[in-house]
Amino acid sequence: MKEALTKGRCLDLGGILKDLVSDGVLEKSDAVEIAAARRSREQALLHPLEIIAAKQCLHRSHKTPLNLDYLSGWLAKKAGIPLAHIDPLKIKCLQSPRLCHLPMPSATAFSALRSVARRW
């Protein structure tokens, strides 16, 4: 996956599922089920980690839920970057001039931050 990030390719559901199985996090049968599931238009727009977390699968070895927090931490570790939790209601405009044009706090600001995270 590090290679995919350095080459600028997008993260896709199939690649993430393959890495989760190879890292021993997800059962192969769960990965196949997630990959084969039909998705609505709204579900198709979700980030691959959101799709996996929505299935509420358990970790292969220690049987804890694979929620979005766990999956985000796994991906950050896999990519070799630190994980940062961003609270859109606590962003200060003077420190983030690119977001100053957005009315804070608002649904618009949250949507903008979410779309930036999705494109990453």
N, C-alpha and C. Protein backbone atom coordinates (compact mmCIF):
# COMPACT_ATOMS: atom_id res chain seq x y z
N MET A 1 0.82 -1.19 0.00
CA MET A 1 0.00 0.00 0.00
C MET A 1 0.87 1.25 0.00
N LYS A 2 2.04 1.21 0.66
CA LYS A 2 2.93 2.36 0.63
C LYS A 2 3.27 2.74 -0.80
N GLU A 3 3.45 1.72 -1.65
CA GLU A 3 3.75 1.98 -3.06
C GLU A 3 2.61 2.72 -3.73
N ALA A 4 1.37 2.35 -3.40
CA ALA A 4 0.22 3.01 -4.00
C ALA A 4 0.17 4.46 -3.58
N LEU A 5 0.51 4.74 -2.32
CA LEU A 5 0.48 6.12 -1.85
C LEU A 5 1.59 6.95 -2.47
N THR A 6 2.78 6.38 -2.62
CA THR A 6 3.88 7.16 -3.17
C THR A 6 3.71 7.39 -4.66
N LYS A 7 3.01 6.50 -5.34
CA LYS A 7 2.80 6.68 -6.77
C LYS A 7 1.57 7.53 -7.06
N GLY A 8 0.85 7.96 -6.02
CA GLY A 8 -0.29 8.84 -6.21
C GLY A 8 -1.57 8.15 -6.64
N ARG A 9 -1.64 6.84 -6.52
CA ARG A 9 -2.87 6.15 -6.89
C ARG A 9 -3.88 6.25 -5.76
N CYS A 10 -5.15 6.17 -6.10
CA CYS A 10 -6.22 6.25 -5.11
C CYS A 10 -6.34 4.93 -4.35
N LEU A 11 -6.83 5.04 -3.14
CA LEU A 11 -7.13 3.84 -2.36
C LEU A 11 -8.43 3.27 -2.89
N ASP A 12 -8.46 1.97 -3.11
CA ASP A 12 -9.70 1.35 -3.56
C ASP A 12 -10.08 0.24 -2.60
N LEU A 13 -11.34 -0.12 -2.60
CA LEU A 13 -11.87 -1.11 -1.68
C LEU A 13 -11.14 -2.45 -1.83
N GLY A 14 -10.95 -2.90 -3.05
CA GLY A 14 -10.29 -4.19 -3.27
C GLY A 14 -8.88 -4.24 -2.72
N GLY A 15 -8.12 -3.18 -2.93
CA GLY A 15 -6.75 -3.13 -2.43
C GLY A 15 -6.69 -3.11 -0.91
N ILE A 16 -7.59 -2.37 -0.29
CA ILE A 16 -7.62 -2.30 1.17
C ILE A 16 -8.02 -3.65 1.75
N LEU A 17 -9.03 -4.28 1.15
CA LEU A 17 -9.45 -5.60 1.64
C LEU A 17 -8.32 -6.61 1.52
N LYS A 18 -7.61 -6.57 0.40
CA LYS A 18 -6.48 -7.49 0.19
C LYS A 18 -5.41 -7.28 1.26
N ASP A 19 -5.10 -6.03 1.58
CA ASP A 19 -4.10 -5.73 2.60
C ASP A 19 -4.57 -6.13 3.99
N LEU A 20 -5.85 -5.93 4.28
CA LEU A 20 -6.38 -6.33 5.59
C LEU A 20 -6.29 -7.84 5.77
N VAL A 21 -6.58 -8.59 4.73
CA VAL A 21 -6.49 -10.06 4.80
C VAL A 21 -5.03 -10.48 4.95
N SER A 22 -4.14 -9.89 4.16
CA SER A 22 -2.72 -10.28 4.21
C SER A 22 -2.07 -9.89 5.54
N ASP A 23 -2.57 -8.85 6.20
CA ASP A 23 -2.05 -8.44 7.51
C ASP A 23 -2.68 -9.23 8.65
N GLY A 24 -3.60 -10.13 8.34
CA GLY A 24 -4.23 -10.94 9.37
C GLY A 24 -5.27 -10.21 10.19
N VAL A 25 -5.81 -9.14 9.65
CA VAL A 25 -6.82 -8.36 10.36
C VAL A 25 -8.23 -8.84 10.04
N LEU A 26 -8.47 -9.21 8.81
CA LEU A 26 -9.81 -9.55 8.33
C LEU A 26 -9.81 -10.97 7.77
N GLU A 27 -10.88 -11.70 8.06
CA GLU A 27 -11.06 -13.04 7.49
C GLU A 27 -11.28 -12.91 5.99
N LYS A 28 -10.75 -13.86 5.23
CA LYS A 28 -10.92 -13.82 3.78
C LYS A 28 -12.39 -13.89 3.39
N SER A 29 -13.18 -14.68 4.11
CA SER A 29 -14.60 -14.81 3.79
C SER A 29 -15.34 -13.48 3.99
N ASP A 30 -14.94 -12.71 5.03
CA ASP A 30 -15.54 -11.39 5.24
C ASP A 30 -15.16 -10.43 4.12
N ALA A 31 -13.90 -10.50 3.68
CA ALA A 31 -13.43 -9.63 2.60
C ALA A 31 -14.18 -9.92 1.30
N VAL A 32 -14.38 -11.20 1.01
CA VAL A 32 -15.10 -11.59 -0.20
C VAL A 32 -16.55 -11.10 -0.12
N GLU A 33 -17.16 -11.23 1.05
CA GLU A 33 -18.54 -10.78 1.23
C GLU A 33 -18.66 -9.27 1.05
N ILE A 34 -17.72 -8.52 1.60
CA ILE A 34 -17.75 -7.05 1.47
C ILE A 34 -17.55 -6.65 0.00
N ALA A 35 -16.60 -7.29 -0.65
CA ALA A 35 -16.30 -6.95 -2.05
C ALA A 35 -17.47 -7.27 -2.97
N ALA A 36 -18.19 -8.36 -2.68
CA ALA A 36 -19.27 -8.81 -3.56
C ALA A 36 -20.60 -8.12 -3.29
N ALA A 37 -20.72 -7.43 -2.17
CA ALA A 37 -22.00 -6.82 -1.80
C ALA A 37 -22.40 -5.71 -2.76
N ARG A 38 -23.69 -5.66 -3.06
CA ARG A 38 -24.21 -4.57 -3.88
C ARG A 38 -24.33 -3.32 -3.02
N ARG A 39 -24.05 -2.17 -3.63
CA ARG A 39 -24.11 -0.91 -2.90
C ARG A 39 -25.01 0.08 -3.62
N SER A 40 -25.70 0.87 -2.81
CA SER A 40 -26.53 1.93 -3.38
C SER A 40 -25.62 3.05 -3.87
N ARG A 41 -26.19 4.03 -4.53
CA ARG A 41 -25.41 5.16 -5.02
C ARG A 41 -24.73 5.89 -3.87
N GLU A 42 -25.45 6.07 -2.77
CA GLU A 42 -24.89 6.76 -1.60
C GLU A 42 -23.74 5.95 -0.99
N GLN A 43 -23.93 4.64 -0.92
CA GLN A 43 -22.89 3.78 -0.35
C GLN A 43 -21.66 3.76 -1.25
N ALA A 44 -21.85 3.84 -2.53
CA ALA A 44 -20.72 3.82 -3.48
C ALA A 44 -19.84 5.06 -3.33
N LEU A 45 -20.39 6.14 -2.79
CA LEU A 45 -19.63 7.37 -2.60
C LEU A 45 -18.84 7.40 -1.30
N LEU A 46 -19.06 6.40 -0.45
CA LEU A 46 -18.36 6.36 0.84
C LEU A 46 -16.89 5.99 0.64
N HIS A 47 -16.07 6.40 1.61
CA HIS A 47 -14.66 6.00 1.62
C HIS A 47 -14.60 4.49 1.86
N PRO A 48 -13.66 3.78 1.26
CA PRO A 48 -13.58 2.33 1.46
C PRO A 48 -13.54 1.91 2.93
N LEU A 49 -12.88 2.69 3.79
CA LEU A 49 -12.84 2.33 5.21
C LEU A 49 -14.23 2.43 5.84
N GLU A 50 -15.05 3.38 5.37
CA GLU A 50 -16.42 3.50 5.89
C GLU A 50 -17.26 2.29 5.48
N ILE A 51 -17.04 1.80 4.28
CA ILE A 51 -17.77 0.63 3.79
C ILE A 51 -17.41 -0.59 4.63
N ILE A 52 -16.12 -0.77 4.90
CA ILE A 52 -15.67 -1.91 5.70
C ILE A 52 -16.18 -1.80 7.14
N ALA A 53 -16.09 -0.61 7.72
CA ALA A 53 -16.54 -0.42 9.10
C ALA A 53 -18.05 -0.67 9.25
N ALA A 54 -18.81 -0.31 8.22
CA ALA A 54 -20.27 -0.49 8.27
C ALA A 54 -20.66 -1.96 8.36
N LYS A 55 -19.80 -2.86 7.90
CA LYS A 55 -20.10 -4.30 7.94
C LYS A 55 -19.92 -4.89 9.34
N GLN A 56 -19.29 -4.15 10.23
CA GLN A 56 -19.11 -4.55 11.63
C GLN A 56 -18.45 -5.93 11.78
N CYS A 57 -17.41 -6.15 11.02
CA CYS A 57 -16.65 -7.40 11.12
C CYS A 57 -15.77 -7.35 12.36
N LEU A 58 -15.30 -8.51 12.78
CA LEU A 58 -14.42 -8.59 13.93
C LEU A 58 -12.99 -8.85 13.47
N HIS A 59 -12.03 -8.37 14.28
CA HIS A 59 -10.62 -8.62 14.01
C HIS A 59 -10.39 -10.13 14.01
N ARG A 60 -9.59 -10.58 13.11
CA ARG A 60 -9.38 -12.02 12.92
C ARG A 60 -8.84 -12.72 14.17
N SER A 61 -7.90 -12.08 14.87
CA SER A 61 -7.29 -12.76 16.02
C SER A 61 -7.88 -12.38 17.36
N HIS A 62 -8.05 -11.10 17.63
CA HIS A 62 -8.53 -10.73 18.97
C HIS A 62 -10.01 -10.34 19.02
N LYS A 63 -10.74 -10.56 17.95
CA LYS A 63 -12.21 -10.45 17.91
C LYS A 63 -12.77 -9.12 18.41
N THR A 64 -12.04 -8.04 18.21
CA THR A 64 -12.58 -6.72 18.49
C THR A 64 -13.18 -6.16 17.21
N PRO A 65 -14.16 -5.26 17.30
CA PRO A 65 -14.80 -4.73 16.10
C PRO A 65 -13.83 -3.90 15.24
N LEU A 66 -13.96 -4.06 13.94
CA LEU A 66 -13.18 -3.25 13.00
C LEU A 66 -13.97 -1.98 12.71
N ASN A 67 -13.92 -1.05 13.66
CA ASN A 67 -14.64 0.21 13.48
C ASN A 67 -13.75 1.20 12.72
N LEU A 68 -14.30 2.36 12.44
CA LEU A 68 -13.59 3.35 11.64
C LEU A 68 -12.31 3.84 12.33
N ASP A 69 -12.33 3.96 13.66
CA ASP A 69 -11.13 4.38 14.37
C ASP A 69 -10.00 3.37 14.22
N TYR A 70 -10.33 2.09 14.39
CA TYR A 70 -9.31 1.05 14.26
C TYR A 70 -8.77 1.02 12.83
N LEU A 71 -9.67 1.05 11.85
CA LEU A 71 -9.24 0.99 10.45
C LEU A 71 -8.41 2.20 10.04
N SER A 72 -8.77 3.38 10.56
CA SER A 72 -7.98 4.59 10.26
C SER A 72 -6.58 4.47 10.84
N GLY A 73 -6.48 3.95 12.06
CA GLY A 73 -5.16 3.74 12.67
C GLY A 73 -4.34 2.72 11.90
N TRP A 74 -5.00 1.65 11.47
CA TRP A 74 -4.31 0.63 10.68
C TRP A 74 -3.77 1.23 9.38
N LEU A 75 -4.60 2.02 8.69
CA LEU A 75 -4.18 2.62 7.43
C LEU A 75 -3.04 3.62 7.63
N ALA A 76 -3.13 4.43 8.68
CA ALA A 76 -2.06 5.39 8.95
C ALA A 76 -0.74 4.66 9.23
N LYS A 77 -0.81 3.61 10.01
CA LYS A 77 0.40 2.83 10.31
C LYS A 77 0.95 2.19 9.03
N LYS A 78 0.07 1.66 8.22
CA LYS A 78 0.46 1.02 6.95
C LYS A 78 1.14 2.04 6.02
N ALA A 79 0.63 3.26 6.02
CA ALA A 79 1.17 4.31 5.15
C ALA A 79 2.39 5.00 5.76
N GLY A 80 2.64 4.73 7.04
CA GLY A 80 3.79 5.34 7.70
C GLY A 80 3.60 6.80 8.04
N ILE A 81 2.36 7.18 8.33
CA ILE A 81 2.07 8.56 8.70
C ILE A 81 1.37 8.59 10.05
N PRO A 82 1.49 9.69 10.79
CA PRO A 82 0.80 9.77 12.08
C PRO A 82 -0.70 9.96 11.87
N LEU A 83 -1.49 9.44 12.81
CA LEU A 83 -2.93 9.59 12.76
C LEU A 83 -3.32 10.81 13.56
N ALA A 84 -4.11 11.69 12.97
CA ALA A 84 -4.57 12.90 13.65
C ALA A 84 -6.08 12.95 13.60
N HIS A 85 -6.70 13.12 14.77
CA HIS A 85 -8.15 13.30 14.82
C HIS A 85 -8.44 14.79 14.76
N ILE A 86 -9.24 15.21 13.78
CA ILE A 86 -9.55 16.61 13.57
C ILE A 86 -11.00 16.86 13.97
N ASP A 87 -11.19 17.77 14.89
CA ASP A 87 -12.54 18.18 15.29
C ASP A 87 -12.86 19.47 14.52
N PRO A 88 -13.77 19.42 13.55
CA PRO A 88 -14.03 20.61 12.73
C PRO A 88 -14.58 21.78 13.53
N LEU A 89 -15.12 21.53 14.70
CA LEU A 89 -15.64 22.62 15.52
C LEU A 89 -14.55 23.34 16.30
N LYS A 90 -13.35 22.77 16.34
CA LYS A 90 -12.25 23.38 17.08
C LYS A 90 -11.17 23.97 16.19
N ILE A 91 -11.39 24.00 14.88
CA ILE A 91 -10.40 24.56 13.96
C ILE A 91 -10.42 26.08 14.09
N LYS A 92 -9.25 26.67 14.23
CA LYS A 92 -9.14 28.12 14.34
C LYS A 92 -8.78 28.67 12.97
N CYS A 93 -9.56 29.65 12.50
CA CYS A 93 -9.36 30.20 11.16
C CYS A 93 -7.98 30.79 10.96
N LEU A 94 -7.43 31.43 11.97
CA LEU A 94 -6.12 32.05 11.80
C LEU A 94 -5.04 31.01 11.57
N GLN A 95 -5.22 29.82 12.08
CA GLN A 95 -4.24 28.77 11.88
C GLN A 95 -4.52 27.98 10.61
N SER A 96 -5.72 28.10 10.07
CA SER A 96 -6.11 27.37 8.85
C SER A 96 -6.73 28.33 7.84
N PRO A 97 -5.92 29.18 7.19
CA PRO A 97 -6.47 30.19 6.30
C PRO A 97 -7.25 29.63 5.12
N ARG A 98 -6.98 28.40 4.72
CA ARG A 98 -7.70 27.82 3.58
C ARG A 98 -9.16 27.55 3.93
N LEU A 99 -9.49 27.46 5.22
CA LEU A 99 -10.86 27.17 5.63
C LEU A 99 -11.59 28.42 6.11
N CYS A 100 -10.94 29.59 6.11
CA CYS A 100 -11.54 30.80 6.66
C CYS A 100 -12.80 31.24 5.92
N HIS A 101 -12.93 30.90 4.66
CA HIS A 101 -14.09 31.33 3.90
C HIS A 101 -15.34 30.53 4.26
N LEU A 102 -15.17 29.42 5.01
CA LEU A 102 -16.32 28.60 5.37
C LEU A 102 -16.93 29.10 6.68
N PRO A 103 -18.27 29.15 6.75
CA PRO A 103 -18.89 29.53 8.02
C PRO A 103 -18.69 28.41 9.04
N MET A 104 -18.08 28.74 10.18
CA MET A 104 -17.78 27.73 11.19
C MET A 104 -18.60 28.00 12.42
N PRO A 105 -19.11 27.07 13.14
CA PRO A 105 -19.28 25.69 12.74
C PRO A 105 -20.51 25.53 11.87
N SER A 106 -20.45 24.66 10.94
CA SER A 106 -21.59 24.43 10.06
C SER A 106 -21.46 23.08 9.38
N ALA A 107 -22.54 22.65 8.80
CA ALA A 107 -22.53 21.40 8.05
C ALA A 107 -21.65 21.53 6.82
N THR A 108 -21.57 22.75 6.25
CA THR A 108 -20.74 22.98 5.07
C THR A 108 -19.27 22.73 5.39
N ALA A 109 -18.83 23.23 6.53
CA ALA A 109 -17.43 23.04 6.92
C ALA A 109 -17.14 21.57 7.15
N PHE A 110 -18.05 20.89 7.81
CA PHE A 110 -17.85 19.47 8.06
C PHE A 110 -17.79 18.70 6.75
N SER A 111 -18.67 19.02 5.81
CA SER A 111 -18.68 18.35 4.52
C SER A 111 -17.39 18.61 3.76
N ALA A 112 -16.89 19.83 3.84
CA ALA A 112 -15.64 20.17 3.15
C ALA A 112 -14.48 19.37 3.72
N LEU A 113 -14.40 19.28 5.04
CA LEU A 113 -13.32 18.51 5.66
C LEU A 113 -13.44 17.03 5.33
N ARG A 114 -14.66 16.53 5.30
CA ARG A 114 -14.88 15.12 5.01
C ARG A 114 -14.47 14.80 3.56
N SER A 115 -14.78 15.73 2.62
CA SER A 115 -14.41 15.46 1.23
C SER A 115 -12.90 15.51 1.04
N VAL A 116 -12.22 16.38 1.80
CA VAL A 116 -10.76 16.42 1.72
C VAL A 116 -10.20 15.10 2.23
N ALA A 117 -10.75 14.59 3.34
CA ALA A 117 -10.27 13.32 3.89
C ALA A 117 -10.56 12.17 2.92
N ARG A 118 -11.70 12.23 2.23
CA ARG A 118 -12.06 11.16 1.30
C ARG A 118 -11.10 11.13 0.11
N ARG A 119 -10.67 12.31 -0.36
CA ARG A 119 -9.76 12.35 -1.49
C ARG A 119 -8.37 11.93 -1.13
N TRP A 120 -8.01 12.04 0.16
CA TRP A 120 -6.69 11.65 0.58
C TRP A 120 -6.56 10.18 0.38
